[in-house]
C-alpha atoms as a PDB file:
ATOM      1  CA  MET A   1      78.461-174.917  84.993  1.00  0.00           C
ATOM      2  CA  ARG A   2      77.882-177.266  88.007  1.00  0.00           C
ATOM      3  CA  ILE A   3      76.250-179.667  85.685  1.00  0.00           C
ATOM      4  CA  ILE A   4      79.143-179.653  83.221  1.00  0.00           C
ATOM      5  CA  THR A   5      81.453-180.140  86.222  1.00  0.00           C
ATOM      6  CA  LEU A   6      79.341-183.080  87.701  1.00  0.00           C
ATOM      7  CA  ILE A   7      79.293-184.637  84.184  1.00  0.00           C
ATOM      8  CA  PHE A   8      83.140-184.277  83.815  1.00  0.00           C
ATOM      9  CA  SER A   9      83.474-186.001  87.183  1.00  0.00           C
ATOM     10  CA  LEU A  10      81.258-188.798  86.460  1.00  0.00           C
ATOM     11  CA  VAL A  11      83.400-189.447  83.134  1.00  0.00           C
ATOM     12  CA  LEU A  12      86.639-189.623  85.197  1.00  0.00           C
ATOM     13  CA  LEU A  13      85.042-191.871  87.792  1.00  0.00           C
ATOM     14  CA  SER A  14      83.828-194.174  85.105  1.00  0.00           C
ATOM     15  CA  ASN A  15      87.400-194.228  83.426  1.00  0.00           C
ATOM     16  CA  THR A  16      88.930-194.942  86.867  1.00  0.00           C
ATOM     17  CA  LEU A  17      86.584-197.898  87.600  1.00  0.00           C
ATOM     18  CA  ASN A  18      87.248-199.420  84.030  1.00  0.00           C
ATOM     19  CA  ALA A  19      91.049-198.938  84.332  1.00  0.00           C
ATOM     20  CA  GLN A  20      90.972-196.798  81.311  1.00  0.00           C
ATOM     21  CA  HIS A  21      93.339-193.943  80.562  1.00  0.00           C
ATOM     22  CA  VAL A  22      92.243-190.976  78.946  1.00  0.00           C
ATOM     23  CA  PHE A  23      94.792-188.269  77.898  1.00  0.00           C
ATOM     24  CA  ASN A  24      93.415-185.330  75.847  1.00  0.00           C
ATOM     25  CA  GLY A  25      94.030-181.742  74.931  1.00  0.00           C
ATOM     26  CA  ASN A  26      94.394-179.150  72.343  1.00  0.00           C
ATOM     27  CA  ILE A  27      97.166-177.984  69.955  1.00  0.00           C
ATOM     28  CA  ASP A  28      97.407-175.089  67.490  1.00  0.00           C
ATOM     29  CA  ASN A  29      96.761-176.607  64.082  1.00  0.00           C
ATOM     30  CA  ASP A  30      98.120-173.645  62.422  1.00  0.00           C
ATOM     31  CA  ARG A  31     101.475-173.879  64.068  1.00  0.00           C
ATOM     32  CA  TRP A  32     102.126-177.808  64.320  1.00  0.00           C
ATOM     33  CA  GLN A  33     101.414-180.811  62.128  1.00  0.00           C
ATOM     34  CA  ASN A  34      98.296-182.542  63.275  1.00  0.00           C
ATOM     35  CA  GLU A  35     100.044-185.691  64.668  1.00  0.00           C
ATOM     36  CA  VAL A  36     100.369-186.054  68.208  1.00  0.00           C
ATOM     37  CA  TYR A  37     102.768-188.706  69.851  1.00  0.00           C
ATOM     38  CA  LEU A  38     102.562-190.355  73.322  1.00  0.00           C
ATOM     39  CA  SER A  39     105.784-192.014  74.668  1.00  0.00           C
ATOM     40  CA  VAL A  40     106.647-194.073  77.717  1.00  0.00           C
ATOM     41  CA  ILE A  41     110.042-193.295  79.269  1.00  0.00           C
ATOM     42  CA  GLU A  42     111.920-196.257  80.802  1.00  0.00           C
ATOM     43  CA  ASP A  43     115.276-194.726  80.800  1.00  0.00           C
ATOM     44  CA  TYR A  44     115.198-191.422  82.873  1.00  0.00           C
ATOM     45  CA  ARG A  45     118.515-190.270  81.039  1.00  0.00           C
ATOM     46  CA  LYS A  46     116.544-190.196  77.882  1.00  0.00           C
ATOM     47  CA  ILE A  47     114.025-187.745  79.094  1.00  0.00           C
ATOM     48  CA  SER A  48     114.895-185.060  76.636  1.00  0.00           C
ATOM     49  CA  SER A  49     114.672-185.192  72.866  1.00  0.00           C
ATOM     50  CA  ILE A  50     112.736-187.666  70.791  1.00  0.00           C
ATOM     51  CA  TYR A  51     113.453-191.363  70.585  1.00  0.00           C
ATOM     52  CA  ASP A  52     111.509-193.857  68.340  1.00  0.00           C
ATOM     53  CA  GLU A  53     111.724-196.788  70.772  1.00  0.00           C
ATOM     54  CA  GLN A  54     109.819-194.646  73.392  1.00  0.00           C
ATOM     55  CA  ILE A  55     106.666-193.984  71.169  1.00  0.00           C
ATOM     56  CA  ILE A  56     103.607-196.046  72.101  1.00  0.00           C
ATOM     57  CA  SER A  57     100.806-194.376  70.303  1.00  0.00           C
ATOM     58  CA  LYS A  58     100.094-191.673  67.733  1.00  0.00           C
ATOM     59  CA  VAL A  59      96.807-189.911  67.073  1.00  0.00           C
ATOM     60  CA  SER A  60      95.701-187.223  64.636  1.00  0.00           C
ATOM     61  CA  THR A  61      93.891-184.075  65.926  1.00  0.00           C
ATOM     62  CA  ASP A  62      90.528-182.976  64.535  1.00  0.00           C
ATOM     63  CA  SER A  63      89.870-179.502  62.960  1.00  0.00           C
ATOM     64  CA  THR A  64      89.878-177.666  66.091  1.00  0.00           C
ATOM     65  CA  GLY A  65      93.282-179.099  67.244  1.00  0.00           C
ATOM     66  CA  PHE A  66      91.652-181.409  69.755  1.00  0.00           C
ATOM     67  CA  PHE A  67      93.542-184.875  70.398  1.00  0.00           C
ATOM     68  CA  GLN A  68      92.805-187.945  72.619  1.00  0.00           C
ATOM     69  CA  PHE A  69      94.717-190.985  73.773  1.00  0.00           C
ATOM     70  CA  SER A  70      92.694-193.691  75.454  1.00  0.00           C
ATOM     71  CA  GLY A  71      92.928-197.394  76.212  1.00  0.00           C
ATOM     72  CA  ASN A  72      93.816-199.965  78.943  1.00  0.00           C
ATOM     73  CA  GLN A  73      97.249-200.927  77.921  1.00  0.00           C
ATOM     74  CA  LEU A  74      99.323-198.613  80.332  1.00  0.00           C
ATOM     75  CA  ASN A  75     101.098-199.914  83.543  1.00  0.00           C
ATOM     76  CA  PRO A  76      98.967-199.845  86.534  1.00  0.00           C
ATOM     77  CA  THR A  77     101.759-197.983  88.513  1.00  0.00           C
ATOM     78  CA  ASN A  78     103.298-194.745  88.027  1.00  0.00           C
ATOM     79  CA  LYS A  79     105.508-194.082  85.096  1.00  0.00           C
ATOM     80  CA  ILE A  80     107.095-191.262  83.168  1.00  0.00           C
ATOM     81  CA  TYR A  81     105.220-190.255  79.911  1.00  0.00           C
ATOM     82  CA  LYS A  82     105.671-187.684  77.277  1.00  0.00           C
ATOM     83  CA  ILE A  83     103.245-186.072  74.754  1.00  0.00           C
ATOM     84  CA  HIS A  84     104.819-184.187  71.920  1.00  0.00           C
ATOM     85  CA  VAL A  85     104.237-182.571  68.543  1.00  0.00           C
ATOM     86  CA  ASP A  86     106.838-181.578  65.923  1.00  0.00           C
ATOM     87  CA  ASN A  87     107.283-180.044  62.493  1.00  0.00           C
ATOM     88  CA  CYS A  88     110.147-182.290  61.320  1.00  0.00           C
ATOM     89  CA  SER A  89     109.667-184.274  58.132  1.00  0.00           C
ATOM     90  CA  THR A  90     109.947-188.112  58.444  1.00  0.00           C
ATOM     91  CA  TYR A  91     112.953-188.277  56.546  1.00  0.00           C
ATOM     92  CA  SER A  92     115.647-185.658  56.561  1.00  0.00           C
ATOM     93  CA  GLN A  93     118.708-186.193  54.584  1.00  0.00           C
ATOM     94  CA  GLY A  94     118.109-189.934  54.768  1.00  0.00           C
ATOM     95  CA  SER A  95     117.575-190.236  58.513  1.00  0.00           C
ATOM     96  CA  ASN A  96     114.427-190.706  60.430  1.00  0.00           C
ATOM     97  CA  HIS A  97     113.310-187.525  62.574  1.00  0.00           C
ATOM     98  CA  PHE A  98     112.819-189.838  65.596  1.00  0.00           C
ATOM     99  CA  GLU A  99     116.643-189.771  66.178  1.00  0.00           C
ATOM    100  CA  GLY A 100     116.485-186.985  68.693  1.00  0.00           C
ATOM    101  CA  HIS A 101     117.489-184.082  66.340  1.00  0.00           C
ATOM    102  CA  CYS A 102     114.124-182.609  65.835  1.00  0.00           C
ATOM    103  CA  ASN A 103     114.559-178.853  66.773  1.00  0.00           C
ATOM    104  CA  ASP A 104     111.152-177.628  65.849  1.00  0.00           C
ATOM    105  CA  SER A 105     109.039-179.588  68.644  1.00  0.00           C
ATOM    106  CA  LYS A 106     107.139-179.061  71.858  1.00  0.00           C
ATOM    107  CA  GLU A 107     106.671-181.506  74.558  1.00  0.00           C
ATOM    108  CA  ILE A 108     105.199-182.142  78.034  1.00  0.00           C
ATOM    109  CA  LEU A 109     106.496-184.637  80.504  1.00  0.00           C
ATOM    110  CA  PHE A 110     104.226-185.929  83.200  1.00  0.00           C
ATOM    111  CA  ILE A 111     103.667-188.854  85.503  1.00  0.00           C
ATOM    112  CA  ALA A 112     100.640-191.278  85.018  1.00  0.00           C
ATOM    113  CA  LYS A 113      99.178-194.834  85.555  1.00  0.00           C
ATOM    114  CA  GLY A 114      96.804-196.944  83.633  1.00  0.00           C
ATOM    115  CA  ASN A 115      93.616-195.482  85.082  1.00  0.00           C
ATOM    116  CA  ASP A 116      94.382-191.798  85.018  1.00  0.00           C
ATOM    117  CA  SER A 117      92.189-189.039  83.230  1.00  0.00           C
ATOM    118  CA  ILE A 118      94.371-186.021  82.243  1.00  0.00           C
ATOM    119  CA  GLN A 119      93.822-182.924  80.294  1.00  0.00           C
ATOM    120  CA  PHE A 120      96.331-180.605  78.796  1.00  0.00           C
ATOM    121  CA  PRO A 121      94.289-177.451  78.038  1.00  0.00           C
ATOM    122  CA  LEU A 122      95.408-174.329  76.203  1.00  0.00           C
ATOM    123  CA  SER A 123      96.466-171.576  78.566  1.00  0.00           C
ATOM    124  CA  PHE A 124      96.941-167.930  78.227  1.00  0.00           C
ATOM    125  CA  GLU A 125      97.253-166.699  74.637  1.00  0.00           C
ATOM    126  CA  ASP A 126      96.531-170.200  73.554  1.00  0.00           C
ATOM    127  CA  GLU A 127      99.888-171.573  74.826  1.00  0.00           C
ATOM    128  CA  MET A 128      99.848-175.464  74.992  1.00  0.00           C
ATOM    129  CA  PHE A 129     101.517-177.985  77.178  1.00  0.00           C
ATOM    130  CA  CYS A 130     101.794-175.424  80.084  1.00  0.00           C
ATOM    131  CA  SER A 131      99.216-176.768  82.396  1.00  0.00           C
ATOM    132  CA  ILE A 132      97.765-180.031  83.437  1.00  0.00           C
ATOM    133  CA  GLN A 133      94.364-181.128  84.993  1.00  0.00           C
ATOM    134  CA  SER A 134      94.649-184.665  86.225  1.00  0.00           C
ATOM    135  CA  THR A 135      93.055-187.225  88.571  1.00  0.00           C
ATOM    136  CA  ASN A 136      96.381-188.178  89.601  1.00  0.00           C
ATOM    137  CA  PRO A 137      98.101-185.796  92.046  1.00  0.00           C
ATOM    138  CA  LYS A 138     101.658-186.685  90.945  1.00  0.00           C
ATOM    139  CA  THR A 139     101.001-185.874  87.192  1.00  0.00           C
ATOM    140  CA  SER A 140     102.348-182.304  87.298  1.00  0.00           C
ATOM    141  CA  ALA A 141     105.384-182.857  89.341  1.00  0.00           C
ATOM    142  CA  PHE A 142     107.733-182.221  86.422  1.00  0.00           C
ATOM    143  CA  ILE A 143     106.127-178.710  85.698  1.00  0.00           C
ATOM    144  CA  LYS A 144     106.710-177.859  89.426  1.00  0.00           C
ATOM    145  CA  ILE A 145     110.242-179.063  89.278  1.00  0.00           C
ATOM    146  CA  ASP A 146     110.981-177.126  85.867  1.00  0.00           C
ATOM    147  CA  SER A 147     109.707-173.856  87.535  1.00  0.00           C
ATOM    148  CA  LEU A 148     112.055-174.379  90.415  1.00  0.00           C
ATOM    149  CA  LYS A 149     114.931-175.209  88.023  1.00  0.00           C
ATOM    150  CA  GLU A 150     114.234-171.785  86.259  1.00  0.00           C
ATOM    151  CA  ASP A 151     114.599-170.068  89.553  1.00  0.00           C
ATOM    152  CA  MET A 152     117.881-171.807  90.069  1.00  0.00           C
ATOM    153  CA  ARG A 153     119.190-170.784  86.709  1.00  0.00           C
ATOM    154  CA  PHE A 154     118.364-167.058  87.326  1.00  0.00           C
ATOM    155  CA  ALA A 155     120.125-167.378  90.794  1.00  0.00           C
ATOM    156  CA  TYR A 156     123.269-168.605  88.991  1.00  0.00           C
ATOM    157  CA  SER A 157     123.318-165.904  86.253  1.00  0.00           C
ATOM    158  CA  GLU A 158     122.887-163.045  88.645  1.00  0.00           C
ATOM    159  CA  TYR A 159     126.413-162.798  89.617  1.00  0.00           C
ATOM    160  CA  ARG A 160     128.974-164.876  87.516  1.00  0.00           C
ATOM    161  CA  SER A 161     131.609-165.459  90.026  1.00  0.00           C
ATOM    162  CA  GLU A 162     133.125-168.504  91.467  1.00  0.00           C
ATOM    163  CA  ALA A 163     132.186-167.614  94.881  1.00  0.00           C
ATOM    164  CA  ASN A 164     128.623-167.191  93.833  1.00  0.00           C
ATOM    165  CA  ARG A 165     128.697-170.686  91.942  1.00  0.00           C
ATOM    166  CA  LYS A 166     129.912-172.532  95.010  1.00  0.00           C
ATOM    167  CA  LEU A 167     127.319-170.968  97.281  1.00  0.00           C
ATOM    168  CA  ASN A 168     124.525-171.697  94.787  1.00  0.00           C
ATOM    169  CA  ASN A 169     125.825-175.356  94.347  1.00  0.00           C
ATOM    170  CA  LYS A 170     125.261-175.849  97.890  1.00  0.00           C
ATOM    171  CA  LYS A 171     121.933-174.062  98.250  1.00  0.00           C
ATOM    172  CA  TRP A 172     120.376-175.408  95.238  1.00  0.00           C
ATOM    173  CA  PHE A 173     121.513-179.003  95.730  1.00  0.00           C
ATOM    174  CA  LYS A 174     119.658-179.119  99.061  1.00  0.00           C
ATOM    175  CA  THR A 175     116.664-177.193  97.750  1.00  0.00           C
ATOM    176  CA  LEU A 176     115.954-179.579  94.821  1.00  0.00           C
ATOM    177  CA  GLN A 177     116.489-182.566  96.829  1.00  0.00           C
ATOM    178  CA  ASP A 178     114.194-181.370  99.709  1.00  0.00           C
ATOM    179  CA  TYR A 179     111.617-180.400  97.182  1.00  0.00           C
ATOM    180  CA  GLY A 180     111.733-183.709  95.361  1.00  0.00           C
ATOM    181  CA  LYS A 181     111.527-185.780  98.640  1.00  0.00           C
ATOM    182  CA  ASN A 182     108.395-183.573  99.787  1.00  0.00           C
ATOM    183  CA  LEU A 183     106.688-184.468  96.592  1.00  0.00           C
ATOM    184  CA  ASN A 184     106.470-187.987  97.942  1.00  0.00           C
ATOM    185  CA  GLU A 185     107.094-189.468  94.551  1.00  0.00           C
ATOM    186  CA  PRO A 186     110.511-191.289  93.822  1.00  0.00           C
ATOM    187  CA  ILE A 187     110.115-190.978  90.211  1.00  0.00           C
ATOM    188  CA  ALA A 188     109.898-187.093  90.474  1.00  0.00           C
ATOM    189  CA  GLU A 189     113.206-187.283  92.502  1.00  0.00           C
ATOM    190  CA  LEU A 190     114.900-189.270  89.859  1.00  0.00           C
ATOM    191  CA  TYR A 191     114.170-186.345  87.403  1.00  0.00           C
ATOM    192  CA  ILE A 192     115.989-183.966  89.835  1.00  0.00           C
ATOM    193  CA  TYR A 193     118.715-186.509  90.354  1.00  0.00           C
ATOM    194  CA  SER A 194     119.217-187.003  86.472  1.00  0.00           C
ATOM    195  CA  PHE A 195     119.656-183.249  86.285  1.00  0.00           C
ATOM    196  CA  LEU A 196     122.033-182.822  89.312  1.00  0.00           C
ATOM    197  CA  SER A 197     124.153-185.837  88.296  1.00  0.00           C
ATOM    198  CA  ASP A 198     124.342-185.233  84.441  1.00  0.00           C
ATOM    199  CA  ARG A 199     127.974-185.526  83.423  1.00  0.00           C
ATOM    200  CA  SER A 200     127.396-182.618  80.899  1.00  0.00           C
ATOM    201  CA  ASN A 201     126.268-180.442  83.590  1.00  0.00           C
ATOM    202  CA  SER A 202     128.526-178.034  85.496  1.00  0.00           C
ATOM    203  CA  LEU A 203     127.055-179.328  88.682  1.00  0.00           C
ATOM    204  CA  HIS A 204     128.334-182.822  88.193  1.00  0.00           C
ATOM    205  CA  GLU A 205     131.665-182.230  90.185  1.00  0.00           C
ATOM    206  CA  TYR A 206     129.792-181.018  93.068  1.00  0.00           C
ATOM    207  CA  TYR A 207     127.314-183.975  92.855  1.00  0.00           C
ATOM    208  CA  LEU A 208     130.521-186.457  93.177  1.00  0.00           C
ATOM    209  CA  GLU A 209     131.472-184.435  96.277  1.00  0.00           C
ATOM    210  CA  ASP A 210     127.919-184.488  97.749  1.00  0.00           C
ATOM    211  CA  LEU A 211     127.619-188.228  97.163  1.00  0.00           C
ATOM    212  CA  LYS A 212     130.630-188.822  99.546  1.00  0.00           C
ATOM    213  CA  ASN A 213     128.841-187.918 102.742  1.00  0.00           C
ATOM    214  CA  ASN A 214     125.144-187.027 101.897  1.00  0.00           C
ATOM    215  CA  PRO A 215     122.719-189.953 102.794  1.00  0.00           C
ATOM    216  CA  TYR A 216     120.201-188.519 100.605  1.00  0.00           C
ATOM    217  CA  TYR A 217     121.164-190.909  97.745  1.00  0.00           C
ATOM    218  CA  ASN A 218     120.999-194.058  99.677  1.00  0.00           C
ATOM    219  CA  ASN A 219     117.592-193.019 101.124  1.00  0.00           C
ATOM    220  CA  LEU A 220     116.322-192.410  97.664  1.00  0.00           C
ATOM    221  CA  LEU A 221     117.273-195.925  96.554  1.00  0.00           C
ATOM    222  CA  ILE A 222     115.387-197.300  99.551  1.00  0.00           C
ATOM    223  CA  ARG A 223     112.279-195.222  98.644  1.00  0.00           C
ATOM    224  CA  LEU A 224     112.529-196.493  95.065  1.00  0.00           C
ATOM    225  CA  LYS A 225     112.925-200.221  96.213  1.00  0.00           C
ATOM    226  CA  GLU A 226     109.905-199.705  98.506  1.00  0.00           C
ATOM    227  CA  THR A 227     107.594-198.058  95.834  1.00  0.00           C
ATOM    228  CA  TYR A 228     108.828-199.515  92.639  1.00  0.00           C
ATOM    229  CA  PRO A 229     110.908-202.757  93.420  1.00  0.00           C
ATOM    230  CA  ASP A 230     110.665-204.224  89.907  1.00  0.00           C
ATOM    231  CA  ALA A 231     110.856-201.145  87.975  1.00  0.00           C
ATOM    232  CA  LEU A 232     113.755-200.339  85.409  1.00  0.00           C
ATOM    233  CA  TYR A 233     114.113-196.745  86.953  1.00  0.00           C
ATOM    234  CA  THR A 234     115.085-198.515  90.263  1.00  0.00           C
ATOM    235  CA  LYS A 235     117.587-200.899  88.761  1.00  0.00           C
ATOM    236  CA  GLN A 236     119.027-198.138  86.581  1.00  0.00           C
ATOM    237  CA  TYR A 237     119.585-195.779  89.424  1.00  0.00           C
ATOM    238  CA  GLU A 238     121.195-198.528  91.647  1.00  0.00           C
ATOM    239  CA  ALA A 239     123.627-199.322  88.842  1.00  0.00           C
ATOM    240  CA  GLU A 240     124.525-195.664  88.392  1.00  0.00           C
ATOM    241  CA  LEU A 241     124.960-194.957  92.192  1.00  0.00           C
ATOM    242  CA  THR A 242     127.197-198.105  92.571  1.00  0.00           C
ATOM    243  CA  SER A 243     129.390-196.885  89.592  1.00  0.00           C
ATOM    244  CA  ASP A 244     129.653-193.381  90.814  1.00  0.00           C
ATOM    245  CA  LYS A 245     130.457-194.615  94.358  1.00  0.00           C
ATOM    246  CA  TYR A 246     133.166-196.679  92.919  1.00  0.00           C
ATOM    247  CA  ILE A 247     134.697-193.827  91.057  1.00  0.00           C
ATOM    248  CA  ILE A 248     134.634-191.624  94.197  1.00  0.00           C
ATOM    249  CA  SER A 249     136.276-194.529  96.414  1.00  0.00           C
ATOM    250  CA  THR A 250     138.975-195.207  93.874  1.00  0.00           C
ATOM    251  CA  THR A 251     139.915-191.661  93.403  1.00  0.00           C
ATOM    252  CA  THR A 252     140.117-191.086  97.213  1.00  0.00           C
ATOM    253  CA  LYS A 253     142.204-194.067  97.767  1.00  0.00           C
ATOM    254  CA  ASP A 254     144.654-193.350  95.019  1.00  0.00           C
ATOM    255  CA  ALA A 255     144.685-190.082  93.196  1.00  0.00           C
ATOM    256  CA  ASN A 256     147.523-191.562  90.954  1.00  0.00           C
ATOM    257  CA  ILE A 257     145.366-194.108  89.360  1.00  0.00           C
ATOM    258  CA  PRO A 258     145.380-193.765  85.561  1.00  0.00           C
ATOM    259  CA  TRP A 259     141.996-192.175  84.470  1.00  0.00           C
ATOM    260  CA  HIS A 260     141.967-194.263  81.228  1.00  0.00           C
ATOM    261  CA  TYR A 261     141.113-197.257  83.573  1.00  0.00           C
ATOM    262  CA  VAL A 262     138.245-195.466  84.958  1.00  0.00           C
ATOM    263  CA  LEU A 263     136.950-194.569  81.643  1.00  0.00           C
ATOM    264  CA  ILE A 264     137.253-198.014  80.388  1.00  0.00           C
ATOM    265  CA  LEU A 265     135.188-199.307  83.540  1.00  0.00           C
ATOM    266  CA  LEU A 266     132.733-196.689  82.857  1.00  0.00           C
ATOM    267  CA  LEU A 267     132.422-197.661  79.271  1.00  0.00           C
ATOM    268  CA  VAL A 268     132.073-201.330  80.188  1.00  0.00           C
ATOM    269  CA  LEU A 269     129.414-200.458  82.903  1.00  0.00           C
ATOM    270  CA  SER A 270     127.531-198.167  80.322  1.00  0.00           C
ATOM    271  CA  VAL A 271     127.478-200.925  77.652  1.00  0.00           C
ATOM    272  CA  LEU A 272     126.418-203.741  80.087  1.00  0.00           C
ATOM    273  CA  GLY A 273     123.727-201.330  81.588  1.00  0.00           C
ATOM    274  CA  ASN A 274     122.351-200.321  78.169  1.00  0.00           C
ATOM    275  CA  LEU A 275     122.353-204.054  77.111  1.00  0.00           C
ATOM    276  CA  TYR A 276     120.452-204.914  80.266  1.00  0.00           C
ATOM    277  CA  PHE A 277     117.783-202.200  79.685  1.00  0.00           C
ATOM    278  CA  TRP A 278     117.355-202.854  75.979  1.00  0.00           C
ATOM    279  CA  LEU A 279     116.933-206.599  76.725  1.00  0.00           C
ATOM    280  CA  SER A 280     114.430-205.907  79.524  1.00  0.00           C
ATOM    281  CA  ILE A 281     112.399-203.417  77.379  1.00  0.00           C
ATOM    282  CA  LYS A 282     112.333-205.746  74.484  1.00  0.00           C
ATOM    283  CA  LYS A 283     111.115-208.547  76.749  1.00  0.00           C
ATOM    284  CA  GLN A 284     108.366-206.337  78.226  1.00  0.00           C
ATOM    285  CA  LYS A 285     107.431-205.220  74.793  1.00  0.00           C
ATOM    286  CA  SER A 286     107.149-208.883  73.521  1.00  0.00           C
ATOM    287  CA  LYS A 287     105.155-209.788  76.651  1.00  0.00           C
ATOM    288  CA  LYS A 288     102.626-206.847  76.131  1.00  0.00           C
ATOM    289  CA  LEU A 289     102.211-207.781  72.423  1.00  0.00           C
ATOM    290  CA  SER A 290     101.538-211.403  73.264  1.00  0.00           C
ATOM    291  CA  VAL A 291      98.896-210.281  75.750  1.00  0.00           C
ATOM    292  CA  VAL A 292      97.371-208.041  73.067  1.00  0.00           C
ATOM    293  CA  LYS A 293      97.603-210.783  70.468  1.00  0.00           C
ATOM    294  CA  GLU A 294      95.603-213.145  72.795  1.00  0.00           C
ATOM    295  CA  GLN A 295      92.838-210.716  72.816  1.00  0.00           C
ATOM    296  CA  LEU A 296      92.201-211.461  69.075  1.00  0.00           C
ATOM    297  CA  THR A 297      89.781-214.174  67.846  1.00  0.00           C
ATOM    298  CA  LYS A 298      91.276-217.122  66.213  1.00  0.00           C
ATOM    299  CA  GLN A 299      90.250-215.815  62.703  1.00  0.00           C
ATOM    300  CA  GLU A 300      91.672-212.322  63.468  1.00  0.00           C
ATOM    301  CA  GLN A 301      94.950-214.013  64.481  1.00  0.00           C
ATOM    302  CA  ASN A 302      94.991-215.889  61.302  1.00  0.00           C
ATOM    303  CA  ILE A 303      94.491-212.662  59.308  1.00  0.00           C
ATOM    304  CA  LEU A 304      97.083-210.873  61.462  1.00  0.00           C
ATOM    305  CA  ASN A 305      99.680-213.443  60.535  1.00  0.00           C
ATOM    306  CA  LEU A 306      98.798-212.874  56.780  1.00  0.00           C
ATOM    307  CA  LEU A 307      99.046-209.290  57.328  1.00  0.00           C
ATOM    308  CA  LEU A 308     102.420-209.762  58.744  1.00  0.00           C
ATOM    309  CA  ASP A 309     103.392-211.647  55.581  1.00  0.00           C
ATOM    310  CA  SER A 310     102.340-208.601  53.419  1.00  0.00           C
ATOM    311  CA  LYS A 311      99.216-210.333  52.014  1.00  0.00           C
ATOM    312  CA  THR A 312      96.580-208.106  50.414  1.00  0.00           C
ATOM    313  CA  ASN A 313      93.032-208.210  51.371  1.00  0.00           C
ATOM    314  CA  LYS A 314      92.138-210.265  48.224  1.00  0.00           C
ATOM    315  CA  ASP A 315      95.118-212.760  49.093  1.00  0.00           C
ATOM    316  CA  ILE A 316      93.761-213.132  52.605  1.00  0.00           C
ATOM    317  CA  ALA A 317      90.252-213.736  51.494  1.00  0.00           C
ATOM    318  CA  GLU A 318      91.335-216.369  49.014  1.00  0.00           C
ATOM    319  CA  ALA A 319      93.475-218.140  51.505  1.00  0.00           C
ATOM    320  CA  LEU A 320      90.660-218.211  54.177  1.00  0.00           C
ATOM    321  CA  PHE A 321      87.718-218.747  51.689  1.00  0.00           C
ATOM    322  CA  VAL A 322      85.807-215.675  53.000  1.00  0.00           C
ATOM    323  CA  SER A 323      84.800-212.483  51.190  1.00  0.00           C
ATOM    324  CA  VAL A 324      86.893-209.415  50.936  1.00  0.00           C
ATOM    325  CA  SER A 325      84.430-207.321  52.848  1.00  0.00           C
ATOM    326  CA  THR A 326      84.742-209.881  55.781  1.00  0.00           C
ATOM    327  CA  VAL A 327      88.555-209.489  55.550  1.00  0.00           C
ATOM    328  CA  LYS A 328      88.300-205.660  55.809  1.00  0.00           C
ATOM    329  CA  THR A 329      85.912-206.011  58.892  1.00  0.00           C
ATOM    330  CA  HIS A 330      88.375-208.202  60.615  1.00  0.00           C
ATOM    331  CA  VAL A 331      91.224-205.903  59.665  1.00  0.00           C
ATOM    332  CA  ASN A 332      89.547-202.954  61.196  1.00  0.00           C
ATOM    333  CA  ASN A 333      88.824-204.809  64.457  1.00  0.00           C
ATOM    334  CA  ILE A 334      92.493-205.721  64.478  1.00  0.00           C
ATOM    335  CA  TYR A 335      93.626-202.116  64.137  1.00  0.00           C
ATOM    336  CA  LYS A 336      91.421-201.130  67.010  1.00  0.00           C
ATOM    337  CA  LYS A 337      92.673-203.725  69.336  1.00  0.00           C
ATOM    338  CA  LEU A 338      96.343-203.140  68.558  1.00  0.00           C
ATOM    339  CA  ASN A 339      95.593-199.144  68.640  1.00  0.00           C
ATOM    340  CA  VAL A 340      97.101-198.736  65.179  1.00  0.00           C
ATOM    341  CA  GLN A 341      95.973-197.230  61.971  1.00  0.00           C
ATOM    342  CA  SER A 342      97.734-199.061  59.217  1.00  0.00           C
ATOM    343  CA  ARG A 343      99.383-202.286  58.042  1.00  0.00           C
ATOM    344  CA  ASP A 344     102.834-200.438  58.453  1.00  0.00           C
ATOM    345  CA  GLU A 345     102.136-199.746  62.189  1.00  0.00           C
ATOM    346  CA  VAL A 346     101.093-203.441  62.655  1.00  0.00           C
ATOM    347  CA  LYS A 347     104.457-204.538  61.121  1.00  0.00           C
ATOM    348  CA  SER A 348     106.336-202.080  63.321  1.00  0.00           C
ATOM    349  CA  LEU A 349     104.713-203.554  66.450  1.00  0.00           C
ATOM    350  CA  PHE A 350     105.888-207.006  65.672  1.00  0.00           C
ATOM    351  CA  ASN A 351     109.247-206.028  64.100  1.00  0.00           C
ATOM    352  CA  LYS A 352     108.581-207.511  60.801  1.00  0.00           C
END
């Protein structure tokens, strides 16, 4: 047993030194389709559900249900990631299942960076995505927070009265905020903030009241700027905080101001914010693809351009005066470097 532990430790150390991430685990092949998806979440308001633009990689499990994601393309600083499986068909009534409407799915959220080694082992009764073993101490923060949120829901349901609700609002706001701060990871605090400030949440009214006098929110912004000064998370939080403070100040100064003006302002801010995040994500994706493309040899770049023009292997061989087998070898090398498995995935990467 000690030898096995030593070998595993050496593997983790090797991955860390080479800035390689390795995320692996097991799923129940009898219960789920054998495709596992890895997503990076840039917008903390899109943590739940499934969004096509978040997915960065897909792998198939082996006969035992084992899967693994590996490579060196992830960000060197902590970000929010998701691994999920589902049983939704690719097309359902003419719409792609990655529109966030797949009810038969299971996921796990976690924090990771580019050189982390993380395992998602099956737990009791072969339950999956319930535990995490990681070289990064921040990885399992979301699991801990979800456990605390379950305790909160139980407290609210114990007595369904207005008095109990008000007491729990005050108690759990502070409990969750203090817990997030003690984790010493601002991204984990954003996970709590997004829950407490969600406009569809019954706690949102209390959040606006709490925002008036509680210095916690400004301090969280300071922690984010210190740890992640250029991250989209930080910019998004700052924009939301500014918007919510404006709502509070406006309603406090003049309670008679028509609400439709406030709603219009929120709509404009939301559109501008989403546009900014979309352009930023698109720019980051373009930059990352350019870096990956530069790793290809000159011949592989020529073949990639022909692949993007929907040329067959035979067409490519004739255009470059090489054999079809040589083209196949180059195509396989391109797939490995781009971390894809088909021509369609190549085209999807480059939006062609």
